Amino acid sequence: MSRREITRIEPRSALRVGFFLGVLGGVLFGLYSAALLKSMGDSGAALFGETEAAQLRSLGGVSTVFMALFMGLIGALLSSLLAGLSAIVYNLAAHYFGGLEYHVEDVTDREAARSHSSHEND
């Protein structure tokens, strides 16, 4: 088993991963929000008033897709900014205090040791 340490995260790669995850999460959240608003329009005349409920009921497919894309863009911008800043802060902390340590074990060595011990027991 060997110990390794993550000493640096490239902020540009963190931005790319954060952007992708933000688009994915934002689009899903936008679709969920649009469906929730439409269902609130169906049952929300007493809550919102008749004119507001009618506007919510009139949400169509185009506005649902537009809301999902808009939420995806906002989510992508926020999560990529957060990922980039997190990478920079991690790099500073790893410089002063050391990075995250993790252990790596070669699976073939472990399987060879098991088969060797099972042959000795026979």
N, C-alpha and C. Protein backbone atom coordinates (compact mmCIF):
# COMPACT_ATOMS: atom_id res chain seq x y z
N MET A 1 0.85 -1.16 0.00
CA MET A 1 0.00 0.00 0.00
C MET A 1 0.90 1.23 0.00
N SER A 2 0.58 2.17 -0.85
CA SER A 2 1.39 3.38 -0.90
C SER A 2 0.53 4.60 -0.58
N ARG A 3 1.15 5.58 0.05
CA ARG A 3 0.48 6.83 0.39
C ARG A 3 0.80 7.86 -0.67
N ARG A 4 -0.19 8.60 -1.06
CA ARG A 4 0.00 9.69 -2.01
C ARG A 4 -0.70 10.93 -1.49
N GLU A 5 -0.36 12.07 -2.08
CA GLU A 5 -0.89 13.34 -1.60
C GLU A 5 -1.29 14.20 -2.79
N ILE A 6 -2.45 14.81 -2.69
CA ILE A 6 -2.90 15.79 -3.70
C ILE A 6 -2.38 17.14 -3.25
N THR A 7 -1.40 17.66 -3.96
CA THR A 7 -0.78 18.92 -3.54
C THR A 7 -1.32 20.12 -4.29
N ARG A 8 -1.93 19.90 -5.47
CA ARG A 8 -2.41 21.03 -6.25
C ARG A 8 -3.58 20.60 -7.12
N ILE A 9 -4.56 21.47 -7.22
CA ILE A 9 -5.69 21.30 -8.13
C ILE A 9 -5.62 22.45 -9.13
N GLU A 10 -5.61 22.12 -10.40
CA GLU A 10 -5.54 23.15 -11.43
C GLU A 10 -6.88 23.89 -11.47
N PRO A 11 -6.88 25.22 -11.22
CA PRO A 11 -8.16 25.96 -11.20
C PRO A 11 -8.92 25.90 -12.53
N ARG A 12 -8.21 25.82 -13.64
CA ARG A 12 -8.90 25.76 -14.93
C ARG A 12 -9.69 24.46 -15.08
N SER A 13 -9.12 23.35 -14.62
CA SER A 13 -9.87 22.09 -14.70
C SER A 13 -11.03 22.09 -13.70
N ALA A 14 -10.86 22.73 -12.55
CA ALA A 14 -11.96 22.84 -11.59
C ALA A 14 -13.09 23.69 -12.17
N LEU A 15 -12.74 24.73 -12.93
CA LEU A 15 -13.76 25.55 -13.59
C LEU A 15 -14.55 24.73 -14.60
N ARG A 16 -13.86 23.90 -15.39
CA ARG A 16 -14.55 23.08 -16.39
C ARG A 16 -15.51 22.09 -15.74
N VAL A 17 -15.04 21.42 -14.70
CA VAL A 17 -15.90 20.45 -14.01
C VAL A 17 -17.06 21.16 -13.34
N GLY A 18 -16.80 22.30 -12.71
CA GLY A 18 -17.87 23.07 -12.07
C GLY A 18 -18.88 23.58 -13.06
N PHE A 19 -18.42 23.99 -14.24
CA PHE A 19 -19.34 24.47 -15.27
C PHE A 19 -20.26 23.35 -15.74
N PHE A 20 -19.69 22.17 -16.00
CA PHE A 20 -20.50 21.04 -16.45
C PHE A 20 -21.53 20.64 -15.39
N LEU A 21 -21.09 20.52 -14.15
CA LEU A 21 -22.02 20.14 -13.08
C LEU A 21 -23.08 21.22 -12.85
N GLY A 22 -22.70 22.49 -13.02
CA GLY A 22 -23.67 23.57 -12.87
C GLY A 22 -24.71 23.58 -13.96
N VAL A 23 -24.31 23.30 -15.20
CA VAL A 23 -25.28 23.22 -16.30
C VAL A 23 -26.25 22.08 -16.03
N LEU A 24 -25.72 20.93 -15.67
CA LEU A 24 -26.56 19.77 -15.41
C LEU A 24 -27.53 20.03 -14.26
N GLY A 25 -27.01 20.49 -13.14
CA GLY A 25 -27.87 20.76 -11.99
C GLY A 25 -28.83 21.91 -12.24
N GLY A 26 -28.39 22.94 -12.93
CA GLY A 26 -29.25 24.09 -13.21
C GLY A 26 -30.41 23.74 -14.13
N VAL A 27 -30.15 22.94 -15.17
CA VAL A 27 -31.22 22.54 -16.08
C VAL A 27 -32.23 21.66 -15.34
N LEU A 28 -31.74 20.73 -14.55
CA LEU A 28 -32.67 19.88 -13.78
C LEU A 28 -33.49 20.70 -12.80
N PHE A 29 -32.85 21.65 -12.13
CA PHE A 29 -33.57 22.52 -11.20
C PHE A 29 -34.56 23.41 -11.94
N GLY A 30 -34.19 23.89 -13.12
CA GLY A 30 -35.10 24.72 -13.90
C GLY A 30 -36.32 23.95 -14.36
N LEU A 31 -36.14 22.71 -14.81
CA LEU A 31 -37.28 21.89 -15.20
C LEU A 31 -38.19 21.61 -14.01
N TYR A 32 -37.59 21.31 -12.88
CA TYR A 32 -38.36 21.07 -11.66
C TYR A 32 -39.13 22.33 -11.26
N SER A 33 -38.48 23.48 -11.31
CA SER A 33 -39.14 24.73 -10.92
C SER A 33 -40.30 25.06 -11.86
N ALA A 34 -40.10 24.85 -13.15
CA ALA A 34 -41.17 25.14 -14.10
C ALA A 34 -42.35 24.21 -13.89
N ALA A 35 -42.08 22.93 -13.65
CA ALA A 35 -43.18 21.99 -13.39
C ALA A 35 -43.89 22.34 -12.09
N LEU A 36 -43.15 22.75 -11.09
CA LEU A 36 -43.75 23.13 -9.82
C LEU A 36 -44.62 24.37 -9.97
N LEU A 37 -44.13 25.36 -10.71
CA LEU A 37 -44.92 26.58 -10.91
C LEU A 37 -46.20 26.28 -11.68
N LYS A 38 -46.10 25.43 -12.70
CA LYS A 38 -47.29 25.08 -13.48
C LYS A 38 -48.31 24.35 -12.60
N SER A 39 -47.85 23.44 -11.76
CA SER A 39 -48.80 22.74 -10.89
C SER A 39 -49.37 23.66 -9.83
N MET A 40 -48.60 24.64 -9.40
CA MET A 40 -49.12 25.61 -8.44
C MET A 40 -50.20 26.46 -9.08
N GLY A 41 -50.08 26.72 -10.38
CA GLY A 41 -51.11 27.47 -11.08
C GLY A 41 -52.40 26.69 -11.17
N ASP A 42 -52.30 25.36 -11.25
CA ASP A 42 -53.50 24.54 -11.32
C ASP A 42 -54.26 24.54 -10.00
N SER A 43 -53.55 24.61 -8.90
CA SER A 43 -54.23 24.53 -7.61
C SER A 43 -54.10 25.80 -6.79
N GLY A 44 -53.50 26.84 -7.36
CA GLY A 44 -53.16 27.99 -6.54
C GLY A 44 -54.02 29.21 -6.73
N ALA A 45 -55.25 29.07 -7.25
CA ALA A 45 -56.09 30.24 -7.44
C ALA A 45 -56.42 30.89 -6.10
N ALA A 46 -56.58 30.09 -5.08
CA ALA A 46 -56.89 30.66 -3.76
C ALA A 46 -55.66 31.30 -3.14
N LEU A 47 -54.49 30.77 -3.45
CA LEU A 47 -53.25 31.31 -2.90
C LEU A 47 -52.84 32.61 -3.58
N PHE A 48 -52.85 32.59 -4.91
CA PHE A 48 -52.28 33.71 -5.65
C PHE A 48 -53.32 34.71 -6.15
N GLY A 49 -54.51 34.28 -6.31
CA GLY A 49 -55.51 35.10 -6.98
C GLY A 49 -55.70 34.55 -8.39
N GLU A 50 -56.82 34.85 -8.98
CA GLU A 50 -57.17 34.23 -10.26
C GLU A 50 -56.26 34.67 -11.41
N THR A 51 -55.85 35.93 -11.44
CA THR A 51 -55.03 36.38 -12.58
C THR A 51 -53.63 35.78 -12.52
N GLU A 52 -53.05 35.71 -11.32
CA GLU A 52 -51.72 35.12 -11.19
C GLU A 52 -51.76 33.63 -11.47
N ALA A 53 -52.80 32.95 -11.01
CA ALA A 53 -52.94 31.52 -11.28
C ALA A 53 -53.12 31.26 -12.75
N ALA A 54 -53.83 32.14 -13.44
CA ALA A 54 -54.01 31.98 -14.89
C ALA A 54 -52.67 32.14 -15.61
N GLN A 55 -51.85 33.07 -15.16
CA GLN A 55 -50.53 33.22 -15.77
C GLN A 55 -49.66 31.99 -15.55
N LEU A 56 -49.73 31.41 -14.36
CA LEU A 56 -48.96 30.19 -14.10
C LEU A 56 -49.47 29.02 -14.92
N ARG A 57 -50.80 28.94 -15.11
CA ARG A 57 -51.36 27.87 -15.92
C ARG A 57 -50.98 28.00 -17.38
N SER A 58 -50.70 29.23 -17.81
CA SER A 58 -50.39 29.44 -19.22
C SER A 58 -48.94 29.13 -19.57
N LEU A 59 -48.15 28.69 -18.61
CA LEU A 59 -46.77 28.30 -18.93
C LEU A 59 -46.78 27.17 -19.94
N GLY A 60 -46.12 27.39 -21.04
CA GLY A 60 -46.08 26.37 -22.08
C GLY A 60 -44.73 25.70 -22.14
N GLY A 61 -44.55 24.91 -23.18
CA GLY A 61 -43.30 24.18 -23.35
C GLY A 61 -42.11 25.09 -23.60
N VAL A 62 -42.32 26.17 -24.36
CA VAL A 62 -41.22 27.08 -24.67
C VAL A 62 -40.74 27.79 -23.41
N SER A 63 -41.67 28.26 -22.60
CA SER A 63 -41.26 28.96 -21.38
C SER A 63 -40.61 27.99 -20.40
N THR A 64 -41.04 26.73 -20.40
CA THR A 64 -40.42 25.73 -19.53
C THR A 64 -38.98 25.48 -19.95
N VAL A 65 -38.76 25.33 -21.24
CA VAL A 65 -37.40 25.11 -21.75
C VAL A 65 -36.54 26.35 -21.51
N PHE A 66 -37.11 27.54 -21.72
CA PHE A 66 -36.37 28.77 -21.49
C PHE A 66 -35.96 28.90 -20.03
N MET A 67 -36.88 28.56 -19.13
CA MET A 67 -36.56 28.63 -17.70
C MET A 67 -35.46 27.63 -17.35
N ALA A 68 -35.53 26.43 -17.92
CA ALA A 68 -34.51 25.41 -17.64
C ALA A 68 -33.15 25.86 -18.17
N LEU A 69 -33.10 26.44 -19.36
CA LEU A 69 -31.83 26.92 -19.91
C LEU A 69 -31.28 28.09 -19.11
N PHE A 70 -32.15 29.00 -18.71
CA PHE A 70 -31.71 30.14 -17.92
C PHE A 70 -31.16 29.69 -16.57
N MET A 71 -31.86 28.76 -15.92
CA MET A 71 -31.38 28.24 -14.64
C MET A 71 -30.07 27.47 -14.84
N GLY A 72 -29.94 26.77 -15.96
CA GLY A 72 -28.70 26.07 -16.26
C GLY A 72 -27.53 27.03 -16.41
N LEU A 73 -27.77 28.15 -17.08
CA LEU A 73 -26.71 29.15 -17.26
C LEU A 73 -26.32 29.76 -15.92
N ILE A 74 -27.29 30.13 -15.12
CA ILE A 74 -27.00 30.71 -13.81
C ILE A 74 -26.28 29.69 -12.93
N GLY A 75 -26.76 28.45 -12.93
CA GLY A 75 -26.11 27.40 -12.14
C GLY A 75 -24.69 27.15 -12.58
N ALA A 76 -24.46 27.18 -13.91
CA ALA A 76 -23.11 26.95 -14.43
C ALA A 76 -22.16 28.07 -14.03
N LEU A 77 -22.62 29.30 -14.11
CA LEU A 77 -21.76 30.42 -13.73
C LEU A 77 -21.42 30.38 -12.25
N LEU A 78 -22.41 30.12 -11.42
CA LEU A 78 -22.16 30.10 -9.98
C LEU A 78 -21.28 28.93 -9.56
N SER A 79 -21.56 27.75 -10.11
CA SER A 79 -20.77 26.59 -9.67
C SER A 79 -19.36 26.62 -10.23
N SER A 80 -19.16 27.16 -11.44
CA SER A 80 -17.79 27.25 -11.95
C SER A 80 -17.00 28.29 -11.16
N LEU A 81 -17.64 29.38 -10.77
CA LEU A 81 -16.96 30.37 -9.93
C LEU A 81 -16.60 29.77 -8.58
N LEU A 82 -17.53 29.04 -7.99
CA LEU A 82 -17.27 28.41 -6.70
C LEU A 82 -16.18 27.34 -6.81
N ALA A 83 -16.18 26.56 -7.88
CA ALA A 83 -15.16 25.53 -8.06
C ALA A 83 -13.78 26.15 -8.26
N GLY A 84 -13.70 27.21 -9.04
CA GLY A 84 -12.41 27.87 -9.25
C GLY A 84 -11.86 28.48 -7.98
N LEU A 85 -12.72 29.15 -7.23
CA LEU A 85 -12.28 29.73 -5.96
C LEU A 85 -11.89 28.65 -4.96
N SER A 86 -12.63 27.56 -4.95
CA SER A 86 -12.29 26.45 -4.05
C SER A 86 -10.94 25.85 -4.39
N ALA A 87 -10.63 25.74 -5.69
CA ALA A 87 -9.33 25.20 -6.10
C ALA A 87 -8.20 26.13 -5.65
N ILE A 88 -8.41 27.42 -5.78
CA ILE A 88 -7.38 28.38 -5.37
C ILE A 88 -7.17 28.32 -3.85
N VAL A 89 -8.26 28.26 -3.09
CA VAL A 89 -8.14 28.18 -1.63
C VAL A 89 -7.49 26.86 -1.23
N TYR A 90 -7.85 25.76 -1.90
CA TYR A 90 -7.23 24.47 -1.59
C TYR A 90 -5.73 24.52 -1.87
N ASN A 91 -5.34 25.12 -2.98
CA ASN A 91 -3.91 25.20 -3.31
C ASN A 91 -3.15 25.99 -2.25
N LEU A 92 -3.74 27.07 -1.77
CA LEU A 92 -3.08 27.84 -0.70
C LEU A 92 -2.98 27.02 0.58
N ALA A 93 -4.05 26.34 0.95
CA ALA A 93 -4.03 25.53 2.17
C ALA A 93 -3.06 24.37 2.03
N ALA A 94 -3.02 23.73 0.86
CA ALA A 94 -2.11 22.60 0.65
C ALA A 94 -0.65 23.07 0.68
N HIS A 95 -0.40 24.29 0.25
CA HIS A 95 0.95 24.84 0.28
C HIS A 95 1.44 25.01 1.72
N TYR A 96 0.56 25.49 2.58
CA TYR A 96 0.97 25.77 3.96
C TYR A 96 0.82 24.57 4.90
N PHE A 97 -0.21 23.76 4.70
CA PHE A 97 -0.51 22.69 5.65
C PHE A 97 -0.37 21.29 5.07
N GLY A 98 -0.13 21.17 3.80
CA GLY A 98 -0.06 19.86 3.15
C GLY A 98 -1.40 19.50 2.54
N GLY A 99 -1.33 18.67 1.51
CA GLY A 99 -2.54 18.30 0.79
C GLY A 99 -3.24 17.11 1.40
N LEU A 100 -4.29 16.69 0.74
CA LEU A 100 -5.03 15.51 1.17
C LEU A 100 -4.22 14.26 0.88
N GLU A 101 -4.15 13.38 1.85
CA GLU A 101 -3.44 12.12 1.66
C GLU A 101 -4.45 11.03 1.36
N TYR A 102 -4.06 10.14 0.46
CA TYR A 102 -4.89 8.97 0.19
C TYR A 102 -4.00 7.77 -0.01
N HIS A 103 -4.55 6.60 0.19
CA HIS A 103 -3.80 5.36 0.12
C HIS A 103 -4.19 4.61 -1.15
N VAL A 104 -3.20 4.04 -1.81
CA VAL A 104 -3.43 3.28 -3.02
C VAL A 104 -2.88 1.88 -2.81
N GLU A 105 -3.69 0.90 -3.14
CA GLU A 105 -3.25 -0.48 -3.02
C GLU A 105 -3.42 -1.14 -4.38
N ASP A 106 -2.42 -1.86 -4.79
CA ASP A 106 -2.49 -2.57 -6.05
C ASP A 106 -3.33 -3.83 -5.87
N VAL A 107 -4.40 -3.94 -6.62
CA VAL A 107 -5.34 -5.05 -6.45
C VAL A 107 -4.70 -6.37 -6.86
N THR A 108 -3.84 -6.36 -7.86
CA THR A 108 -3.22 -7.61 -8.30
C THR A 108 -2.32 -8.19 -7.22
N ASP A 109 -1.64 -7.34 -6.46
CA ASP A 109 -0.82 -7.83 -5.34
C ASP A 109 -1.68 -8.46 -4.26
N ARG A 110 -2.82 -7.86 -3.98
CA ARG A 110 -3.71 -8.39 -2.95
C ARG A 110 -4.29 -9.74 -3.39
N GLU A 111 -4.69 -9.83 -4.67
CA GLU A 111 -5.24 -11.10 -5.17
C GLU A 111 -4.17 -12.19 -5.21
N ALA A 112 -2.95 -11.81 -5.56
CA ALA A 112 -1.87 -12.79 -5.58
C ALA A 112 -1.58 -13.30 -4.17
N ALA A 113 -1.64 -12.41 -3.18
CA ALA A 113 -1.40 -12.82 -1.80
C ALA A 113 -2.53 -13.76 -1.32
N ARG A 114 -3.75 -13.49 -1.71
CA ARG A 114 -4.85 -14.37 -1.33
C ARG A 114 -4.70 -15.75 -1.96
N SER A 115 -4.39 -15.79 -3.24
CA SER A 115 -4.27 -17.10 -3.90
C SER A 115 -3.06 -17.88 -3.36
N HIS A 116 -2.02 -17.14 -3.01
CA HIS A 116 -0.84 -17.79 -2.44
C HIS A 116 -1.15 -18.39 -1.06
N SER A 117 -1.90 -17.63 -0.24
CA SER A 117 -2.25 -18.13 1.09
C SER A 117 -3.27 -19.27 1.00
N SER A 118 -4.14 -19.26 0.01
CA SER A 118 -5.09 -20.35 -0.12
C SER A 118 -4.41 -21.64 -0.58
N HIS A 119 -3.34 -21.51 -1.37
CA HIS A 119 -2.58 -22.69 -1.79
C HIS A 119 -1.78 -23.28 -0.62
N GLU A 120 -1.31 -22.40 0.28
CA GLU A 120 -0.57 -22.89 1.43
C GLU A 120 -1.47 -23.63 2.41
N ASN A 121 -2.74 -23.23 2.49
CA ASN A 121 -3.68 -23.88 3.41
C ASN A 121 -4.14 -25.25 2.91
N ASP A 122 -3.95 -25.55 1.64
CA ASP A 122 -4.40 -26.83 1.08
C ASP A 122 -3.51 -27.97 1.42
